[in-house]
Amino acid sequence: MLFNIKLHYKKINDEINKIGQKETVMKYRSLSLVQNIGRLLKYRLIIPLLRSEKPAQYKAKGVAVGLAWALTPLIGVQMWLVFITWLIWKKISSEGFSLTLALAYTWTTNVFTMVPVYYVFYVTGQILRGNFNDIGGYDNLHSIINNTFLSEYDFWEKWSVFFKLFVKDWGISMIVGCLPWVVIGYILGYYFTMAFEQTRINKKNKNT
């Protein structure tokens, strides 16, 4: 009987160890995913900021412009719009902004975040337009994007189909709804970068 109890205990202990190993592996995988995302954000957004030797205000305006265009329902052409903005800005101002940083920060919205970001624009637009009884429609937006950007059409066909559906069903609300986010993105991008640069300068002066 004692042998049976020991054998039963051993089986229970083995099962506990297996569960513990699975949890450890799952935790490792979870941390690995978080670390990978963090590394990606670091190389996409932070490293370009650190490597730039330009003045803080020059960099801050670049980040601000990039975030402003990122927060528009124009994923796929945002980098072109940033470049056009940069050309116009150079014509009307002698100061300009960092094109490299502006291009980098358009990446904050992309095909992976398109559905939720566009939905936020739509809901914001519906609220601003006073359409409180018709705020939903997430499934419809998801279907539109699946049938356009995630389809097998070529680049121009995707945009052609998307704009037809976009203007017909969601366009006005999304355009209206993105505007406050554009302003918020520009302001936060500018002041975050200025604060970041000031912190770097203070640390550098402290160490010297």
N, C-alpha and C. Protein backbone atom coordinates (compact mmCIF):
# COMPACT_ATOMS: atom_id res chain seq x y z
N MET A 1 0.84 -1.21 0.00
CA MET A 1 0.00 0.00 0.00
C MET A 1 0.87 1.25 0.00
N LEU A 2 1.95 1.22 0.81
CA LEU A 2 2.86 2.36 0.87
C LEU A 2 3.50 2.60 -0.48
N PHE A 3 3.83 1.48 -1.17
CA PHE A 3 4.42 1.59 -2.50
C PHE A 3 3.45 2.27 -3.47
N ASN A 4 2.16 1.90 -3.37
CA ASN A 4 1.15 2.49 -4.25
C ASN A 4 0.98 3.99 -4.01
N ILE A 5 1.06 4.36 -2.70
CA ILE A 5 0.94 5.79 -2.36
C ILE A 5 2.12 6.57 -2.94
N LYS A 6 3.33 5.99 -2.79
CA LYS A 6 4.52 6.64 -3.33
C LYS A 6 4.44 6.77 -4.85
N LEU A 7 3.95 5.68 -5.49
CA LEU A 7 3.82 5.70 -6.94
C LEU A 7 2.80 6.75 -7.39
N HIS A 8 1.70 6.83 -6.65
CA HIS A 8 0.67 7.83 -6.97
C HIS A 8 1.20 9.24 -6.78
N TYR A 9 1.97 9.44 -5.70
CA TYR A 9 2.56 10.75 -5.42
C TYR A 9 3.54 11.14 -6.52
N LYS A 10 4.33 10.13 -6.97
CA LYS A 10 5.29 10.39 -8.03
C LYS A 10 4.59 10.82 -9.32
N LYS A 11 3.46 10.17 -9.63
CA LYS A 11 2.70 10.53 -10.83
C LYS A 11 2.17 11.96 -10.74
N ILE A 12 1.63 12.30 -9.55
CA ILE A 12 1.12 13.66 -9.34
C ILE A 12 2.25 14.67 -9.48
N ASN A 13 3.40 14.37 -8.88
CA ASN A 13 4.55 15.26 -8.93
C ASN A 13 5.05 15.46 -10.36
N ASP A 14 5.05 14.35 -11.13
CA ASP A 14 5.46 14.44 -12.53
C ASP A 14 4.52 15.32 -13.33
N GLU A 15 3.21 15.19 -13.06
CA GLU A 15 2.23 16.01 -13.76
C GLU A 15 2.41 17.48 -13.42
N ILE A 16 2.67 17.76 -12.13
CA ILE A 16 2.91 19.15 -11.69
C ILE A 16 4.13 19.72 -12.39
N ASN A 17 5.21 18.90 -12.48
CA ASN A 17 6.42 19.35 -13.15
C ASN A 17 6.19 19.64 -14.62
N LYS A 18 5.36 18.78 -15.26
CA LYS A 18 5.04 18.99 -16.67
C LYS A 18 4.28 20.29 -16.87
N ILE A 19 3.30 20.52 -15.97
CA ILE A 19 2.51 21.76 -16.04
C ILE A 19 3.42 22.96 -15.84
N GLY A 20 4.34 22.85 -14.87
CA GLY A 20 5.28 23.93 -14.60
C GLY A 20 6.16 24.22 -15.79
N GLN A 21 6.62 23.15 -16.46
CA GLN A 21 7.45 23.32 -17.64
C GLN A 21 6.68 24.01 -18.76
N LYS A 22 5.41 23.59 -18.94
CA LYS A 22 4.58 24.21 -19.97
C LYS A 22 4.36 25.69 -19.69
N GLU A 23 4.10 26.00 -18.41
CA GLU A 23 3.89 27.40 -18.04
C GLU A 23 5.15 28.21 -18.26
N THR A 24 6.31 27.59 -17.95
CA THR A 24 7.59 28.27 -18.15
C THR A 24 7.84 28.56 -19.62
N VAL A 25 7.55 27.53 -20.46
CA VAL A 25 7.72 27.69 -21.90
C VAL A 25 6.80 28.78 -22.43
N MET A 26 5.51 28.75 -21.97
CA MET A 26 4.55 29.75 -22.40
C MET A 26 4.97 31.14 -21.97
N LYS A 27 5.47 31.24 -20.73
CA LYS A 27 5.93 32.53 -20.22
C LYS A 27 7.12 33.02 -21.03
N TYR A 28 8.03 32.09 -21.37
CA TYR A 28 9.21 32.46 -22.15
C TYR A 28 8.81 32.97 -23.53
N ARG A 29 7.86 32.21 -24.14
CA ARG A 29 7.39 32.62 -25.46
C ARG A 29 6.72 33.99 -25.41
N SER A 30 5.93 34.21 -24.34
CA SER A 30 5.25 35.49 -24.18
C SER A 30 6.26 36.62 -24.03
N LEU A 31 7.25 36.40 -23.18
CA LEU A 31 8.28 37.41 -22.97
C LEU A 31 9.07 37.64 -24.25
N SER A 32 9.32 36.56 -24.98
CA SER A 32 10.07 36.66 -26.22
C SER A 32 9.31 37.52 -27.22
N LEU A 33 7.98 37.36 -27.30
CA LEU A 33 7.17 38.17 -28.20
C LEU A 33 7.22 39.64 -27.80
N VAL A 34 7.08 39.89 -26.49
CA VAL A 34 7.13 41.27 -25.99
C VAL A 34 8.49 41.88 -26.28
N GLN A 35 9.54 41.08 -26.06
CA GLN A 35 10.89 41.57 -26.31
C GLN A 35 11.10 41.88 -27.79
N ASN A 36 10.55 41.01 -28.64
CA ASN A 36 10.68 41.24 -30.09
C ASN A 36 9.96 42.51 -30.52
N ILE A 37 8.77 42.72 -29.97
CA ILE A 37 8.03 43.94 -30.29
C ILE A 37 8.78 45.17 -29.79
N GLY A 38 9.31 45.05 -28.56
CA GLY A 38 10.10 46.15 -27.99
C GLY A 38 11.34 46.45 -28.83
N ARG A 39 11.98 45.39 -29.29
CA ARG A 39 13.18 45.57 -30.13
C ARG A 39 12.83 46.23 -31.45
N LEU A 40 11.70 45.79 -32.03
CA LEU A 40 11.26 46.37 -33.30
C LEU A 40 10.95 47.86 -33.14
N LEU A 41 10.24 48.21 -32.06
CA LEU A 41 9.93 49.61 -31.80
C LEU A 41 11.20 50.42 -31.58
N LYS A 42 12.14 49.80 -30.88
CA LYS A 42 13.40 50.49 -30.61
C LYS A 42 14.14 50.82 -31.91
N TYR A 43 14.27 49.83 -32.80
CA TYR A 43 15.01 50.04 -34.04
C TYR A 43 14.26 50.92 -35.04
N ARG A 44 12.94 50.85 -35.00
CA ARG A 44 12.14 51.64 -35.93
C ARG A 44 11.99 53.10 -35.50
N LEU A 45 11.86 53.31 -34.18
CA LEU A 45 11.49 54.64 -33.69
C LEU A 45 12.56 55.32 -32.84
N ILE A 46 13.19 54.56 -31.95
CA ILE A 46 14.13 55.18 -31.01
C ILE A 46 15.52 55.35 -31.60
N ILE A 47 16.03 54.31 -32.26
CA ILE A 47 17.39 54.37 -32.82
C ILE A 47 17.55 55.52 -33.82
N PRO A 48 16.60 55.72 -34.76
CA PRO A 48 16.74 56.89 -35.66
C PRO A 48 16.81 58.21 -34.91
N LEU A 49 16.08 58.29 -33.80
CA LEU A 49 16.09 59.51 -32.99
C LEU A 49 17.44 59.71 -32.32
N LEU A 50 18.02 58.62 -31.82
CA LEU A 50 19.30 58.69 -31.14
C LEU A 50 20.45 58.99 -32.10
N ARG A 51 20.37 58.46 -33.30
CA ARG A 51 21.46 58.61 -34.28
C ARG A 51 21.50 59.99 -34.92
N SER A 52 20.37 60.66 -34.95
CA SER A 52 20.32 61.97 -35.59
C SER A 52 21.12 63.00 -34.79
N GLU A 53 21.95 63.75 -35.48
CA GLU A 53 22.77 64.79 -34.85
C GLU A 53 22.16 66.18 -35.01
N LYS A 54 20.95 66.23 -35.54
CA LYS A 54 20.30 67.52 -35.79
C LYS A 54 19.79 68.13 -34.48
N PRO A 55 19.46 69.43 -34.49
CA PRO A 55 18.92 70.10 -33.30
C PRO A 55 17.60 69.45 -32.86
N ALA A 56 17.28 69.59 -31.58
CA ALA A 56 16.10 68.96 -31.00
C ALA A 56 14.81 69.38 -31.71
N GLN A 57 14.69 70.67 -32.00
CA GLN A 57 13.47 71.17 -32.62
C GLN A 57 13.30 70.61 -34.03
N TYR A 58 14.39 70.46 -34.75
CA TYR A 58 14.38 69.90 -36.10
C TYR A 58 13.88 68.45 -36.06
N LYS A 59 14.37 67.70 -35.08
CA LYS A 59 13.95 66.30 -34.92
C LYS A 59 12.50 66.22 -34.44
N ALA A 60 12.13 67.10 -33.51
CA ALA A 60 10.78 67.09 -32.95
C ALA A 60 9.73 67.35 -34.03
N LYS A 61 10.03 68.27 -34.93
CA LYS A 61 9.08 68.55 -36.01
C LYS A 61 8.97 67.36 -36.96
N GLY A 62 10.07 66.65 -37.17
CA GLY A 62 10.03 65.46 -38.01
C GLY A 62 9.15 64.38 -37.43
N VAL A 63 9.33 64.11 -36.13
CA VAL A 63 8.50 63.12 -35.45
C VAL A 63 7.03 63.54 -35.50
N ALA A 64 6.78 64.82 -35.25
CA ALA A 64 5.41 65.34 -35.22
C ALA A 64 4.72 65.17 -36.58
N VAL A 65 5.43 65.51 -37.65
CA VAL A 65 4.86 65.37 -38.99
C VAL A 65 4.59 63.90 -39.32
N GLY A 66 5.53 63.04 -38.96
CA GLY A 66 5.35 61.61 -39.20
C GLY A 66 4.14 61.04 -38.48
N LEU A 67 3.98 61.41 -37.21
CA LEU A 67 2.83 60.94 -36.44
C LEU A 67 1.52 61.52 -36.96
N ALA A 68 1.57 62.77 -37.38
CA ALA A 68 0.36 63.40 -37.91
C ALA A 68 -0.15 62.66 -39.14
N TRP A 69 0.76 62.33 -40.07
CA TRP A 69 0.33 61.59 -41.27
C TRP A 69 0.00 60.14 -40.94
N ALA A 70 0.66 59.60 -39.92
CA ALA A 70 0.35 58.22 -39.51
C ALA A 70 -1.09 58.10 -39.01
N LEU A 71 -1.60 59.17 -38.43
CA LEU A 71 -2.95 59.15 -37.87
C LEU A 71 -3.99 59.68 -38.87
N THR A 72 -3.82 59.26 -40.11
CA THR A 72 -4.80 59.53 -41.16
C THR A 72 -5.18 58.19 -41.80
N PRO A 73 -6.36 58.09 -42.39
CA PRO A 73 -6.78 56.83 -43.03
C PRO A 73 -6.18 56.67 -44.42
N LEU A 74 -4.85 56.81 -44.50
CA LEU A 74 -4.17 56.77 -45.79
C LEU A 74 -2.97 55.83 -45.75
N ILE A 75 -3.11 54.75 -45.00
CA ILE A 75 -2.02 53.77 -44.89
C ILE A 75 -1.68 53.23 -46.27
N GLY A 76 -0.40 53.29 -46.61
CA GLY A 76 0.05 52.85 -47.92
C GLY A 76 0.64 54.00 -48.73
N VAL A 77 0.19 55.22 -48.47
CA VAL A 77 0.72 56.39 -49.19
C VAL A 77 1.24 57.45 -48.22
N GLN A 78 1.28 57.13 -46.94
CA GLN A 78 1.70 58.12 -45.94
C GLN A 78 3.13 58.59 -46.14
N MET A 79 4.01 57.69 -46.54
CA MET A 79 5.41 58.08 -46.73
C MET A 79 5.55 59.05 -47.90
N TRP A 80 4.75 58.84 -48.96
CA TRP A 80 4.75 59.78 -50.08
C TRP A 80 4.24 61.14 -49.63
N LEU A 81 3.22 61.15 -48.80
CA LEU A 81 2.65 62.40 -48.31
C LEU A 81 3.63 63.14 -47.40
N VAL A 82 4.39 62.39 -46.62
CA VAL A 82 5.44 63.00 -45.80
C VAL A 82 6.49 63.66 -46.69
N PHE A 83 6.88 62.97 -47.74
CA PHE A 83 7.89 63.51 -48.66
C PHE A 83 7.40 64.79 -49.33
N ILE A 84 6.14 64.80 -49.76
CA ILE A 84 5.55 65.99 -50.37
C ILE A 84 5.50 67.14 -49.36
N THR A 85 5.11 66.80 -48.10
CA THR A 85 5.08 67.80 -47.03
C THR A 85 6.46 68.40 -46.81
N TRP A 86 7.48 67.54 -46.83
CA TRP A 86 8.87 67.98 -46.64
C TRP A 86 9.30 68.94 -47.75
N LEU A 87 8.94 68.63 -49.00
CA LEU A 87 9.28 69.50 -50.14
C LEU A 87 8.61 70.86 -50.01
N ILE A 88 7.33 70.85 -49.64
CA ILE A 88 6.59 72.12 -49.49
C ILE A 88 7.15 72.92 -48.32
N TRP A 89 7.43 72.22 -47.21
CA TRP A 89 7.95 72.88 -46.01
C TRP A 89 9.28 73.58 -46.32
N LYS A 90 10.12 72.93 -47.12
CA LYS A 90 11.42 73.52 -47.49
C LYS A 90 11.23 74.80 -48.29
N LYS A 91 10.17 74.85 -49.06
CA LYS A 91 9.92 76.02 -49.90
C LYS A 91 9.44 77.23 -49.09
N ILE A 92 8.65 76.93 -48.03
CA ILE A 92 8.03 78.03 -47.28
C ILE A 92 8.75 78.35 -45.97
N SER A 93 9.71 77.47 -45.57
CA SER A 93 10.42 77.71 -44.32
C SER A 93 11.89 77.33 -44.46
N SER A 94 12.72 78.11 -43.83
CA SER A 94 14.16 77.83 -43.89
C SER A 94 14.59 76.78 -42.87
N GLU A 95 13.74 76.49 -41.91
CA GLU A 95 14.10 75.57 -40.84
C GLU A 95 13.91 74.10 -41.24
N GLY A 96 12.75 73.75 -41.79
CA GLY A 96 12.50 72.39 -42.22
C GLY A 96 12.33 71.43 -41.05
N PHE A 97 12.34 70.13 -41.37
CA PHE A 97 12.24 69.08 -40.35
C PHE A 97 12.96 67.84 -40.83
N SER A 98 13.17 66.90 -39.94
CA SER A 98 13.90 65.67 -40.29
C SER A 98 13.02 64.75 -41.12
N LEU A 99 13.36 64.60 -42.40
CA LEU A 99 12.62 63.70 -43.28
C LEU A 99 12.77 62.25 -42.82
N THR A 100 13.96 61.89 -42.38
CA THR A 100 14.21 60.51 -41.94
C THR A 100 13.30 60.12 -40.78
N LEU A 101 13.20 61.00 -39.79
CA LEU A 101 12.35 60.70 -38.63
C LEU A 101 10.88 60.73 -39.00
N ALA A 102 10.49 61.66 -39.86
CA ALA A 102 9.10 61.74 -40.28
C ALA A 102 8.67 60.45 -40.98
N LEU A 103 9.53 59.95 -41.86
CA LEU A 103 9.24 58.69 -42.55
C LEU A 103 9.18 57.53 -41.58
N ALA A 104 10.11 57.52 -40.63
CA ALA A 104 10.15 56.42 -39.65
C ALA A 104 8.87 56.37 -38.81
N TYR A 105 8.37 57.51 -38.41
CA TYR A 105 7.23 57.54 -37.49
C TYR A 105 5.88 57.34 -38.17
N THR A 106 5.85 57.31 -39.51
CA THR A 106 4.61 56.89 -40.16
C THR A 106 4.36 55.42 -39.91
N TRP A 107 5.40 54.69 -39.51
CA TRP A 107 5.29 53.25 -39.27
C TRP A 107 4.44 52.93 -38.04
N THR A 108 4.16 53.94 -37.21
CA THR A 108 3.36 53.68 -36.00
C THR A 108 1.97 53.15 -36.32
N THR A 109 1.46 53.43 -37.52
CA THR A 109 0.26 52.76 -38.00
C THR A 109 0.63 52.01 -39.27
N ASN A 110 0.10 50.81 -39.43
CA ASN A 110 0.47 49.96 -40.56
C ASN A 110 -0.66 48.98 -40.85
N VAL A 111 -0.42 48.04 -41.76
CA VAL A 111 -1.48 47.11 -42.16
C VAL A 111 -1.96 46.24 -41.00
N PHE A 112 -1.11 46.06 -39.99
CA PHE A 112 -1.48 45.23 -38.84
C PHE A 112 -2.40 45.97 -37.87
N THR A 113 -2.27 47.29 -37.83
CA THR A 113 -3.11 48.09 -36.92
C THR A 113 -4.24 48.81 -37.66
N MET A 114 -4.34 48.56 -38.95
CA MET A 114 -5.28 49.31 -39.79
C MET A 114 -6.73 49.23 -39.32
N VAL A 115 -7.21 48.02 -39.06
CA VAL A 115 -8.62 47.85 -38.71
C VAL A 115 -9.00 48.61 -37.43
N PRO A 116 -8.29 48.39 -36.30
CA PRO A 116 -8.68 49.14 -35.09
C PRO A 116 -8.48 50.64 -35.20
N VAL A 117 -7.41 51.06 -35.89
CA VAL A 117 -7.16 52.51 -36.04
C VAL A 117 -8.25 53.16 -36.88
N TYR A 118 -8.59 52.55 -37.99
CA TYR A 118 -9.65 53.09 -38.84
C TYR A 118 -10.99 53.10 -38.11
N TYR A 119 -11.20 52.09 -37.30
CA TYR A 119 -12.46 52.03 -36.53
C TYR A 119 -12.54 53.19 -35.54
N VAL A 120 -11.41 53.50 -34.89
CA VAL A 120 -11.37 54.63 -33.96
C VAL A 120 -11.68 55.93 -34.71
N PHE A 121 -11.11 56.10 -35.90
CA PHE A 121 -11.41 57.28 -36.72
C PHE A 121 -12.91 57.35 -37.02
N TYR A 122 -13.47 56.21 -37.41
CA TYR A 122 -14.88 56.17 -37.77
C TYR A 122 -15.78 56.53 -36.59
N VAL A 123 -15.52 55.93 -35.44
CA VAL A 123 -16.32 56.20 -34.25
C VAL A 123 -16.20 57.66 -33.84
N THR A 124 -14.97 58.18 -33.87
CA THR A 124 -14.75 59.59 -33.54
C THR A 124 -15.52 60.49 -34.49
N GLY A 125 -15.47 60.15 -35.78
CA GLY A 125 -16.20 60.94 -36.77
C GLY A 125 -17.70 60.90 -36.57
N GLN A 126 -18.22 59.72 -36.25
CA GLN A 126 -19.65 59.59 -36.00
C GLN A 126 -20.08 60.44 -34.80
N ILE A 127 -19.25 60.44 -33.77
CA ILE A 127 -19.56 61.25 -32.58
C ILE A 127 -19.52 62.74 -32.91
N LEU A 128 -18.48 63.17 -33.64
CA LEU A 128 -18.34 64.58 -34.00
C LEU A 128 -19.47 65.05 -34.92
N ARG A 129 -19.98 64.13 -35.74
CA ARG A 129 -21.08 64.46 -36.64
C ARG A 129 -22.45 64.31 -35.99
N GLY A 130 -22.47 63.85 -34.74
CA GLY A 130 -23.72 63.70 -34.01
C GLY A 130 -24.51 62.45 -34.36
N ASN A 131 -23.87 61.47 -35.02
CA ASN A 131 -24.55 60.23 -35.38
C ASN A 131 -24.42 59.19 -34.26
N PHE A 132 -25.00 59.49 -33.11
CA PHE A 132 -24.83 58.62 -31.94
C PHE A 132 -25.56 57.29 -32.08
N ASN A 133 -26.53 57.22 -32.97
CA ASN A 133 -27.30 55.98 -33.13
C ASN A 133 -26.68 55.02 -34.14
N ASP A 134 -25.58 55.42 -34.75
CA ASP A 134 -24.94 54.58 -35.78
C ASP A 134 -23.43 54.59 -35.61
N ILE A 135 -22.98 54.22 -34.41
CA ILE A 135 -21.54 54.27 -34.10
C ILE A 135 -20.85 52.95 -34.43
N GLY A 136 -21.57 51.84 -34.40
CA GLY A 136 -20.97 50.51 -34.62
C GLY A 136 -20.52 50.31 -36.05
N GLY A 137 -20.27 49.04 -36.39
CA GLY A 137 -19.88 48.72 -37.76
C GLY A 137 -18.48 48.18 -37.90
N TYR A 138 -17.89 47.66 -36.82
CA TYR A 138 -16.52 47.14 -36.85
C TYR A 138 -16.40 45.98 -37.84
N ASP A 139 -17.36 45.06 -37.82
CA ASP A 139 -17.32 43.90 -38.71
C ASP A 139 -17.35 44.32 -40.17
N ASN A 140 -18.12 45.36 -40.46
CA ASN A 140 -18.21 45.87 -41.82
C ASN A 140 -16.87 46.44 -42.28
N LEU A 141 -16.21 47.19 -41.41
CA LEU A 141 -14.90 47.75 -41.73
C LEU A 141 -13.88 46.64 -41.96
N HIS A 142 -13.90 45.64 -41.08
CA HIS A 142 -12.98 44.51 -41.20
C HIS A 142 -13.17 43.82 -42.55
N SER A 143 -14.43 43.66 -42.97
CA SER A 143 -14.74 43.01 -44.25
C SER A 143 -14.24 43.85 -45.42
N ILE A 144 -14.40 45.17 -45.34
CA ILE A 144 -13.93 46.06 -46.40
C ILE A 144 -12.43 45.93 -46.59
N ILE A 145 -11.68 45.94 -45.49
CA ILE A 145 -10.22 45.87 -45.57
C ILE A 145 -9.76 44.50 -46.06
N ASN A 146 -10.44 43.43 -45.60
CA ASN A 146 -10.10 42.09 -46.08
C ASN A 146 -10.30 41.96 -47.58
N ASN A 147 -11.32 42.61 -48.10
CA ASN A 147 -11.65 42.51 -49.53
C ASN A 147 -10.85 43.47 -50.39
N THR A 148 -10.03 44.30 -49.76
CA THR A 148 -9.22 45.24 -50.54
C THR A 148 -7.74 45.00 -50.27
N PHE A 149 -7.23 45.50 -49.15
CA PHE A 149 -5.79 45.44 -48.88
C PHE A 149 -5.27 44.03 -48.66
N LEU A 150 -6.11 43.15 -48.13
CA LEU A 150 -5.65 41.78 -47.87
C LEU A 150 -6.07 40.83 -48.99
N SER A 151 -6.49 41.37 -50.10
CA SER A 151 -6.87 40.56 -51.25
C SER A 151 -5.67 40.38 -52.17
N GLU A 152 -5.90 39.75 -53.32
CA GLU A 152 -4.81 39.48 -54.28
C GLU A 152 -4.73 40.54 -55.38
N TYR A 153 -5.48 41.63 -55.23
CA TYR A 153 -5.39 42.71 -56.21
C TYR A 153 -3.99 43.33 -56.18
N ASP A 154 -3.60 43.99 -57.27
CA ASP A 154 -2.34 44.72 -57.23
C ASP A 154 -2.55 46.03 -56.48
N PHE A 155 -1.47 46.78 -56.31
CA PHE A 155 -1.50 47.96 -55.45
C PHE A 155 -2.59 48.95 -55.85
N TRP A 156 -2.64 49.30 -57.14
CA TRP A 156 -3.59 50.33 -57.59
C TRP A 156 -5.02 49.82 -57.56
N GLU A 157 -5.22 48.54 -57.84
CA GLU A 157 -6.57 47.96 -57.78
C GLU A 157 -7.09 47.98 -56.35
N LYS A 158 -6.20 47.66 -55.40
CA LYS A 158 -6.58 47.67 -53.98
C LYS A 158 -7.09 49.05 -53.57
N TRP A 159 -6.30 50.08 -53.95
CA TRP A 159 -6.69 51.44 -53.58
C TRP A 159 -7.95 51.89 -54.29
N SER A 160 -8.12 51.46 -55.53
CA SER A 160 -9.32 51.82 -56.29
C SER A 160 -10.57 51.25 -55.63
N VAL A 161 -10.53 49.96 -55.30
CA VAL A 161 -11.68 49.31 -54.66
C VAL A 161 -11.91 49.89 -53.28
N PHE A 162 -10.80 50.11 -52.54
CA PHE A 162 -10.93 50.62 -51.18
C PHE A 162 -11.59 51.99 -51.16
N PHE A 163 -11.16 52.89 -52.05
CA PHE A 163 -11.71 54.24 -52.04
C PHE A 163 -13.19 54.26 -52.43
N LYS A 164 -13.59 53.35 -53.32
CA LYS A 164 -15.01 53.26 -53.67
C LYS A 164 -15.85 52.90 -52.45
N LEU A 165 -15.39 51.88 -51.71
CA LEU A 165 -16.10 51.46 -50.50
C LEU A 165 -15.94 52.50 -49.39
N PHE A 166 -14.75 53.07 -49.33
CA PHE A 166 -14.40 54.04 -48.30
C PHE A 166 -15.31 55.28 -48.37
N VAL A 167 -15.41 55.85 -49.56
CA VAL A 167 -16.22 57.05 -49.75
C VAL A 167 -17.70 56.74 -49.56
N LYS A 168 -18.11 55.58 -50.05
CA LYS A 168 -19.53 55.23 -50.00
C LYS A 168 -20.02 54.98 -48.57
N ASP A 169 -19.25 54.22 -47.79
CA ASP A 169 -19.74 53.76 -46.49
C ASP A 169 -19.11 54.46 -45.28
N TRP A 170 -17.83 54.76 -45.35
CA TRP A 170 -17.11 55.21 -44.15
C TRP A 170 -16.37 56.53 -44.32
N GLY A 171 -16.21 56.97 -45.55
CA GLY A 171 -15.29 58.06 -45.85
C GLY A 171 -15.41 59.32 -45.04
N ILE A 172 -16.59 59.92 -45.05
CA ILE A 172 -16.76 61.22 -44.39
C ILE A 172 -16.47 61.13 -42.91
N SER A 173 -17.03 60.11 -42.25
CA SER A 173 -16.81 59.97 -40.80
C SER A 173 -15.35 59.71 -40.47
N MET A 174 -14.66 58.93 -41.29
CA MET A 174 -13.25 58.65 -41.02
C MET A 174 -12.38 59.87 -41.23
N ILE A 175 -12.68 60.64 -42.27
CA ILE A 175 -11.89 61.86 -42.53
C ILE A 175 -12.10 62.87 -41.40
N VAL A 176 -13.37 63.06 -41.02
CA VAL A 176 -13.66 63.97 -39.90
C VAL A 176 -13.06 63.45 -38.61
N GLY A 177 -13.19 62.14 -38.39
CA GLY A 177 -12.72 61.54 -37.13
C GLY A 177 -11.22 61.52 -36.96
N CYS A 178 -10.47 61.51 -38.07
CA CYS A 178 -9.00 61.47 -37.93
C CYS A 178 -8.42 62.83 -37.56
N LEU A 179 -9.14 63.91 -37.85
CA LEU A 179 -8.59 65.26 -37.67
C LEU A 179 -8.14 65.56 -36.23
N PRO A 180 -8.98 65.27 -35.21
CA PRO A 180 -8.47 65.53 -33.85
C PRO A 180 -7.28 64.66 -33.49
N TRP A 181 -7.22 63.45 -34.04
CA TRP A 181 -6.08 62.56 -33.76
C TRP A 181 -4.81 63.06 -34.45
N VAL A 182 -4.96 63.68 -35.61
CA VAL A 182 -3.81 64.29 -36.30
C VAL A 182 -3.21 65.39 -35.43
N VAL A 183 -4.07 66.24 -34.89
CA VAL A 183 -3.61 67.34 -34.03
C VAL A 183 -2.95 66.80 -32.76
N ILE A 184 -3.60 65.82 -32.14
CA ILE A 184 -3.05 65.21 -30.91
C ILE A 184 -1.71 64.55 -31.21
N GLY A 185 -1.63 63.81 -32.33
CA GLY A 185 -0.38 63.15 -32.70
C GLY A 185 0.75 64.13 -32.93
N TYR A 186 0.45 65.24 -33.60
CA TYR A 186 1.48 66.24 -33.87
C TYR A 186 1.99 66.86 -32.56
N ILE A 187 1.06 67.25 -31.70
CA ILE A 187 1.45 67.91 -30.45
C ILE A 187 2.24 66.96 -29.55
N LEU A 188 1.72 65.73 -29.37
CA LEU A 188 2.41 64.76 -28.51
C LEU A 188 3.77 64.38 -29.09
N GLY A 189 3.82 64.20 -30.41
CA GLY A 189 5.09 63.85 -31.04
C GLY A 189 6.14 64.93 -30.84
N TYR A 190 5.72 66.19 -31.00
CA TYR A 190 6.65 67.30 -30.85
C TYR A 190 7.16 67.41 -29.41
N TYR A 191 6.24 67.43 -28.45
CA TYR A 191 6.65 67.65 -27.06
C TYR A 191 7.33 66.42 -26.45
N PHE A 192 6.95 65.23 -26.90
CA PHE A 192 7.65 64.03 -26.43
C PHE A 192 9.10 64.07 -26.87
N THR A 193 9.33 64.42 -28.13
CA THR A 193 10.69 64.45 -28.65
C THR A 193 11.52 65.54 -27.98
N MET A 194 10.94 66.70 -27.76
CA MET A 194 11.65 67.77 -27.07
C MET A 194 12.03 67.35 -25.65
N ALA A 195 11.09 66.70 -24.96
CA ALA A 195 11.36 66.22 -23.60
C ALA A 195 12.43 65.13 -23.61
N PHE A 196 12.35 64.25 -24.59
CA PHE A 196 13.33 63.17 -24.73
C PHE A 196 14.73 63.74 -24.96
N GLU A 197 14.83 64.71 -25.83
CA GLU A 197 16.12 65.33 -26.13
C GLU A 197 16.66 66.10 -24.94
N GLN A 198 15.79 66.77 -24.20
CA GLN A 198 16.22 67.51 -23.02
C GLN A 198 16.75 66.56 -21.95
N THR A 199 16.09 65.42 -21.80
CA THR A 199 16.56 64.40 -20.85
C THR A 199 17.93 63.88 -21.24
N ARG A 200 18.14 63.65 -22.52
CA ARG A 200 19.44 63.19 -23.01
C ARG A 200 20.53 64.22 -22.72
N ILE A 201 20.22 65.50 -22.97
CA ILE A 201 21.20 66.57 -22.74
C ILE A 201 21.54 66.67 -21.25
N ASN A 202 20.52 66.57 -20.41
CA ASN A 202 20.76 66.65 -18.96
C ASN A 202 21.63 65.51 -18.46
N LYS A 203 21.39 64.29 -18.98
CA LYS A 203 22.20 63.15 -18.58
C LYS A 203 23.64 63.30 -19.07
N LYS A 204 23.77 63.81 -20.29
CA LYS A 204 25.10 64.01 -20.86
C LYS A 204 25.89 65.03 -20.07
N ASN A 205 25.23 66.14 -19.67
CA ASN A 205 25.90 67.17 -18.89
C ASN A 205 26.23 66.67 -17.49
N LYS A 206 25.39 65.81 -16.96
CA LYS A 206 25.63 65.26 -15.62
C LYS A 206 26.84 64.34 -15.59
N ASN A 207 27.04 63.61 -16.69
CA ASN A 207 28.14 62.65 -16.76
C ASN A 207 29.47 63.29 -17.11
N THR A 208 29.43 64.55 -17.61
CA THR A 208 30.68 65.22 -18.00
C THR A 208 31.21 66.12 -16.88
